Amino acid sequence: MNIHIKSKEEQDKMRAAGKLAAQTLEMIEPHVKVGVTTDELNTLVHDFTTNSGAICAPLNYHGFPKSVCISVNDVACHGIPGDYVLQDGDIVNIDVTPKLDGWHGDTSKMFLVGDVSKEDRELCEIAHGALWAGIGAIAPGRDVKTIGDAIQLFMTRKPASIAKEFCGHGTGSTFHEAPQILHYSSWNTGTLMVPGLIFTIEPIINAGKSWTKTCPKDKWTVTTNDGKKSAQWEHTILITEDGFEILTLREEENGQI
């Protein structure tokens, strides 16, 4: 699959989509609390997105039935919103992708519901650190494999593992496009980070073993094999002439780079 390097005009469209994605997570935060169903959160995201002049890219994407992925506790990714009621101590990943004027903004964040255990807080912090380790490895001219190298190095001696079945990806006018961004060390890919390249980094970190399984009934929900919890954070990144730009950066993250 060919890698599409975005023009200046396309980069501006991706900035707008990324900003909307970040604003969506900021909007939903006060609603992620005990007693709320994941379907109610789905409705809030759907309405916010459509009222902003965009569409929810996950809806009907290869048959996905909802507007947002909401993954709770041992669900590693692709959780389908439904009648589950959030409980005290849950950890929740909300993964949003508005498609604005034909361009995708893709990002996710962990939310802690009520009194979350020390172990689960640590898991979410490790997953957040893994994301930022990958971001910290970005530089024009480097092979994209340095991102996975940095994440794997960060995870050394951490009480958690990297789910290797899933990866980051290029994005733009197409939801998922080349290149793949692995979150662990691999052979030289030959794909260099060049200005105009846009991709996501989104490591899934499991409290137990790395293996996951997909629900045979809905063919979407991915859970950990051992039933232990999982955490994930995601950003969409643009490579610039002298560095990079996080297109989905939230207000709370200003100053973190």
Protein backbone atom coordinates (compact mmCIF):
# COMPACT_ATOMS: atom_id res chain seq x y z
CA MET A 1 0.00 0.00 0.00
CA ASN A 2 1.36 3.39 -0.98
CA ILE A 3 2.06 5.99 1.70
CA HIS A 4 0.26 9.27 1.11
CA ILE A 5 2.26 12.34 2.13
CA LYS A 6 -0.15 15.16 2.93
CA SER A 7 0.05 18.55 1.22
CA LYS A 8 -0.09 21.77 3.25
CA GLU A 9 -3.80 22.07 2.50
CA GLU A 10 -4.42 18.47 3.57
CA GLN A 11 -2.42 19.02 6.75
CA ASP A 12 -4.71 21.93 7.63
CA LYS A 13 -7.75 19.69 7.15
CA MET A 14 -6.16 17.07 9.39
CA ARG A 15 -5.46 19.72 12.03
CA ALA A 16 -9.15 20.62 12.07
CA ALA A 17 -10.21 16.96 12.34
CA GLY A 18 -7.64 16.32 15.06
CA LYS A 19 -8.78 19.33 17.04
CA LEU A 20 -12.38 18.12 16.90
CA ALA A 21 -11.28 14.67 18.09
CA ALA A 22 -9.49 16.22 21.08
CA GLN A 23 -12.52 18.39 21.86
CA THR A 24 -14.73 15.29 21.77
CA LEU A 25 -12.72 13.64 24.55
CA GLU A 26 -12.79 16.88 26.53
CA MET A 27 -16.56 17.05 26.11
CA ILE A 28 -17.18 13.47 27.25
CA GLU A 29 -14.98 13.54 30.38
CA PRO A 30 -17.55 14.83 32.93
CA HIS A 31 -20.05 12.23 31.72
CA VAL A 32 -17.79 9.21 32.35
CA LYS A 33 -19.00 8.33 35.83
CA VAL A 34 -20.69 5.65 37.90
CA GLY A 35 -24.21 4.83 36.72
CA VAL A 36 -23.82 5.92 33.09
CA THR A 37 -24.18 3.31 30.35
CA THR A 38 -21.64 3.05 27.57
CA ASP A 39 -24.48 3.52 25.08
CA GLU A 40 -25.34 6.87 26.69
CA LEU A 41 -21.71 7.91 26.14
CA ASN A 42 -21.98 6.74 22.54
CA THR A 43 -25.00 8.97 22.02
CA LEU A 44 -23.20 11.97 23.49
CA VAL A 45 -20.22 11.45 21.18
CA HIS A 46 -22.47 10.92 18.16
CA ASP A 47 -24.50 14.06 18.81
CA PHE A 48 -21.44 16.22 19.53
CA THR A 49 -19.72 15.01 16.37
CA THR A 50 -22.69 15.51 14.06
CA ASN A 51 -23.52 18.89 15.61
CA SER A 52 -19.92 19.90 14.82
CA GLY A 53 -20.48 19.18 11.13
CA ALA A 54 -18.63 15.86 11.08
CA ILE A 55 -19.55 12.19 11.01
CA CYS A 56 -18.45 9.37 13.31
CA ALA A 57 -16.05 7.28 11.23
CA PRO A 58 -16.45 4.08 13.31
CA LEU A 59 -20.20 3.87 12.63
CA ASN A 60 -20.75 1.10 10.05
CA TYR A 61 -17.00 0.87 9.40
CA HIS A 62 -16.67 -2.74 8.22
CA GLY A 63 -19.90 -3.36 10.09
CA PHE A 64 -19.01 -1.76 13.44
CA PRO A 65 -22.44 -0.90 14.90
CA LYS A 66 -21.72 2.19 16.99
CA SER A 67 -20.20 5.67 16.71
CA VAL A 68 -17.33 5.21 19.16
CA CYS A 69 -15.23 2.39 20.62
CA ILE A 70 -15.60 2.14 24.41
CA SER A 71 -13.42 -0.51 26.05
CA VAL A 72 -13.90 -1.25 29.76
CA ASN A 73 -11.51 -3.12 32.08
CA ASP A 74 -10.33 -6.32 30.31
CA VAL A 75 -11.52 -5.11 26.90
CA ALA A 76 -8.33 -4.16 25.08
CA CYS A 77 -9.96 -2.41 22.12
CA HIS A 78 -13.01 -2.22 19.82
CA GLY A 79 -15.49 -2.35 22.67
CA ILE A 80 -19.07 -1.91 21.45
CA PRO A 81 -21.17 0.53 23.52
CA GLY A 82 -24.29 -1.04 25.00
CA ASP A 83 -26.25 -1.40 28.21
CA TYR A 84 -23.22 -1.88 30.47
CA VAL A 85 -23.46 0.51 33.44
CA LEU A 86 -20.14 1.99 34.56
CA GLN A 87 -19.13 0.80 38.01
CA ASP A 88 -16.94 2.24 40.74
CA GLY A 89 -13.35 1.22 39.97
CA ASP A 90 -13.74 0.74 36.22
CA ILE A 91 -11.06 1.89 33.80
CA VAL A 92 -12.43 2.96 30.43
CA ASN A 93 -10.83 3.68 27.06
CA ILE A 94 -12.84 5.94 24.77
CA ASP A 95 -11.58 5.97 21.18
CA VAL A 96 -13.10 8.64 18.94
CA THR A 97 -12.65 9.31 15.23
CA PRO A 98 -14.62 12.20 13.77
CA LYS A 99 -14.45 12.54 10.00
CA LEU A 100 -14.54 16.24 9.22
CA ASP A 101 -14.75 17.42 5.61
CA GLY A 102 -13.51 13.99 4.55
CA TRP A 103 -10.53 13.80 6.93
CA HIS A 104 -10.04 11.71 10.08
CA GLY A 105 -8.99 12.75 13.57
CA ASP A 106 -8.18 9.66 15.66
CA THR A 107 -7.46 9.68 19.39
CA SER A 108 -8.24 7.88 22.64
CA LYS A 109 -7.86 8.34 26.36
CA MET A 110 -8.25 6.33 29.55
CA PHE A 111 -10.88 7.44 32.06
CA LEU A 112 -10.87 6.32 35.69
CA VAL A 113 -14.31 5.83 37.23
CA GLY A 114 -14.68 6.45 40.96
CA ASP A 115 -12.24 4.77 43.34
CA VAL A 116 -9.80 2.97 41.04
CA SER A 117 -7.27 0.59 42.58
CA LYS A 118 -3.60 1.45 42.81
CA GLU A 119 -2.74 -1.36 40.41
CA ASP A 120 -5.20 -0.18 37.78
CA ARG A 121 -4.04 3.43 38.10
CA GLU A 122 -0.48 2.23 37.59
CA LEU A 123 -1.53 0.29 34.49
CA CYS A 124 -3.09 3.41 32.98
CA GLU A 125 0.02 5.43 33.83
CA ILE A 126 2.27 2.82 32.21
CA ALA A 127 0.14 2.85 29.05
CA HIS A 128 0.28 6.66 29.00
CA GLY A 129 4.05 6.53 29.43
CA ALA A 130 4.32 4.04 26.57
CA LEU A 131 2.50 6.45 24.26
CA TRP A 132 4.78 9.33 25.20
CA ALA A 133 7.89 7.15 24.88
CA GLY A 134 6.86 6.46 21.31
CA ILE A 135 6.15 10.12 20.64
CA GLY A 136 9.53 11.03 22.10
CA ALA A 137 11.27 8.89 19.48
CA ILE A 138 9.81 10.85 16.57
CA ALA A 139 12.15 12.86 14.37
CA PRO A 140 12.22 13.62 10.64
CA GLY A 141 14.48 11.18 8.79
CA ARG A 142 14.20 8.36 11.32
CA ASP A 143 12.75 4.95 10.50
CA VAL A 144 9.29 4.48 12.02
CA LYS A 145 10.67 1.38 13.77
CA THR A 146 12.36 3.68 16.30
CA ILE A 147 8.90 4.31 17.76
CA GLY A 148 8.44 0.63 18.60
CA ASP A 149 12.01 0.41 19.86
CA ALA A 150 11.37 3.28 22.27
CA ILE A 151 8.12 1.80 23.55
CA GLN A 152 9.66 -1.61 24.12
CA LEU A 153 12.61 -0.04 25.95
CA PHE A 154 10.18 1.94 28.14
CA MET A 155 8.30 -1.27 28.97
CA THR A 156 11.46 -3.02 30.21
CA ARG A 157 10.81 -4.37 33.72
CA LYS A 158 7.31 -2.86 33.79
CA PRO A 159 4.64 -5.12 35.37
CA ALA A 160 2.69 -5.19 32.12
CA SER A 161 2.97 -6.32 28.49
CA ILE A 162 2.45 -4.93 24.99
CA ALA A 163 -0.42 -6.40 22.96
CA LYS A 164 1.33 -7.12 19.66
CA GLU A 165 -1.68 -7.96 17.49
CA PHE A 166 -2.54 -4.28 17.03
CA CYS A 167 -0.59 -1.31 15.73
CA GLY A 168 -0.75 2.35 14.89
CA HIS A 169 -1.43 3.38 11.33
CA GLY A 170 -1.35 6.10 8.77
CA THR A 171 -4.54 8.12 8.51
CA GLY A 172 -5.97 10.91 6.41
CA SER A 173 -8.88 10.83 3.99
CA THR A 174 -8.81 7.07 4.63
CA PHE A 175 -9.39 5.87 8.21
CA HIS A 176 -6.56 3.32 8.13
CA GLU A 177 -3.73 3.61 5.63
CA ALA A 178 0.01 2.91 5.36
CA PRO A 179 2.33 2.80 7.17
CA GLN A 180 1.80 0.45 10.09
CA ILE A 181 3.35 1.67 13.33
CA LEU A 182 4.44 -1.24 15.50
CA HIS A 183 4.63 -0.71 19.26
CA TYR A 184 7.53 -3.09 19.80
CA SER A 185 10.98 -3.63 18.30
CA SER A 186 11.09 -5.06 14.79
CA TRP A 187 13.36 -5.28 11.77
CA ASN A 188 14.14 -2.13 9.81
CA THR A 189 10.96 -1.26 7.91
CA GLY A 190 12.54 1.14 5.44
CA THR A 191 9.75 3.62 6.12
CA LEU A 192 11.16 7.00 7.06
CA MET A 193 9.40 9.78 8.91
CA VAL A 194 9.23 12.54 6.34
CA PRO A 195 7.42 15.91 6.47
CA GLY A 196 3.75 15.48 5.64
CA LEU A 197 3.52 11.91 6.97
CA ILE A 198 0.61 11.47 9.40
CA PHE A 199 0.07 8.41 11.59
CA THR A 200 -1.25 7.27 14.95
CA ILE A 201 0.60 5.84 17.93
CA GLU A 202 -1.70 3.76 20.15
CA PRO A 203 0.00 1.05 22.24
CA ILE A 204 -2.30 -1.37 24.06
CA ILE A 205 -0.80 -2.36 27.41
CA ASN A 206 -2.09 -5.38 29.33
CA ALA A 207 -1.74 -5.95 33.07
CA GLY A 208 -1.08 -9.63 32.41
CA LYS A 209 0.11 -11.48 29.32
CA SER A 210 0.16 -9.87 25.90
CA TRP A 211 -2.31 -12.22 24.22
CA THR A 212 -5.80 -11.14 23.31
CA LYS A 213 -8.88 -12.75 21.76
CA THR A 214 -11.76 -11.45 19.66
CA CYS A 215 -15.35 -12.19 20.68
CA PRO A 216 -16.67 -14.83 18.23
CA LYS A 217 -20.21 -13.52 18.63
CA ASP A 218 -19.81 -9.84 17.68
CA LYS A 219 -16.44 -10.28 15.90
CA TRP A 220 -15.26 -6.91 17.27
CA THR A 221 -14.73 -6.90 21.03
CA VAL A 222 -11.11 -7.73 21.87
CA THR A 223 -10.38 -8.88 25.42
CA THR A 224 -7.26 -10.04 27.21
CA ASN A 225 -6.81 -13.81 27.19
CA ASP A 226 -6.24 -13.98 30.92
CA GLY A 227 -9.05 -11.62 31.95
CA LYS A 228 -6.67 -9.03 33.36
CA LYS A 229 -7.18 -5.36 32.59
CA SER A 230 -5.89 -3.39 29.63
CA ALA A 231 -5.18 0.29 28.93
CA GLN A 232 -4.52 2.36 25.82
CA TRP A 233 -3.94 5.97 24.79
CA GLU A 234 -3.72 7.29 21.24
CA HIS A 235 -2.63 10.39 19.37
CA THR A 236 -2.43 11.36 15.70
CA ILE A 237 0.95 12.82 14.72
CA LEU A 238 2.13 14.97 11.80
CA ILE A 239 5.81 14.93 10.84
CA THR A 240 7.04 18.47 10.14
CA GLU A 241 10.23 19.87 8.63
CA ASP A 242 11.90 20.24 12.02
CA GLY A 243 10.00 17.85 14.28
CA PHE A 244 6.39 16.83 14.74
CA GLU A 245 2.96 18.12 15.68
CA ILE A 246 0.38 16.26 17.77
CA LEU A 247 -2.84 16.96 15.90
CA THR A 248 -5.08 15.56 18.67
CA LEU A 249 -3.45 17.29 21.65
CA ARG A 250 -5.94 18.17 24.42
CA GLU A 251 -5.83 21.38 26.46
CA GLU A 252 -4.82 19.42 29.57
CA GLU A 253 -1.69 18.24 27.74
CA ASN A 254 -0.33 21.66 26.84
CA GLY A 255 3.20 21.87 28.16
CA GLN A 256 3.67 18.10 28.29
CA ILE A 257 5.79 17.96 25.14
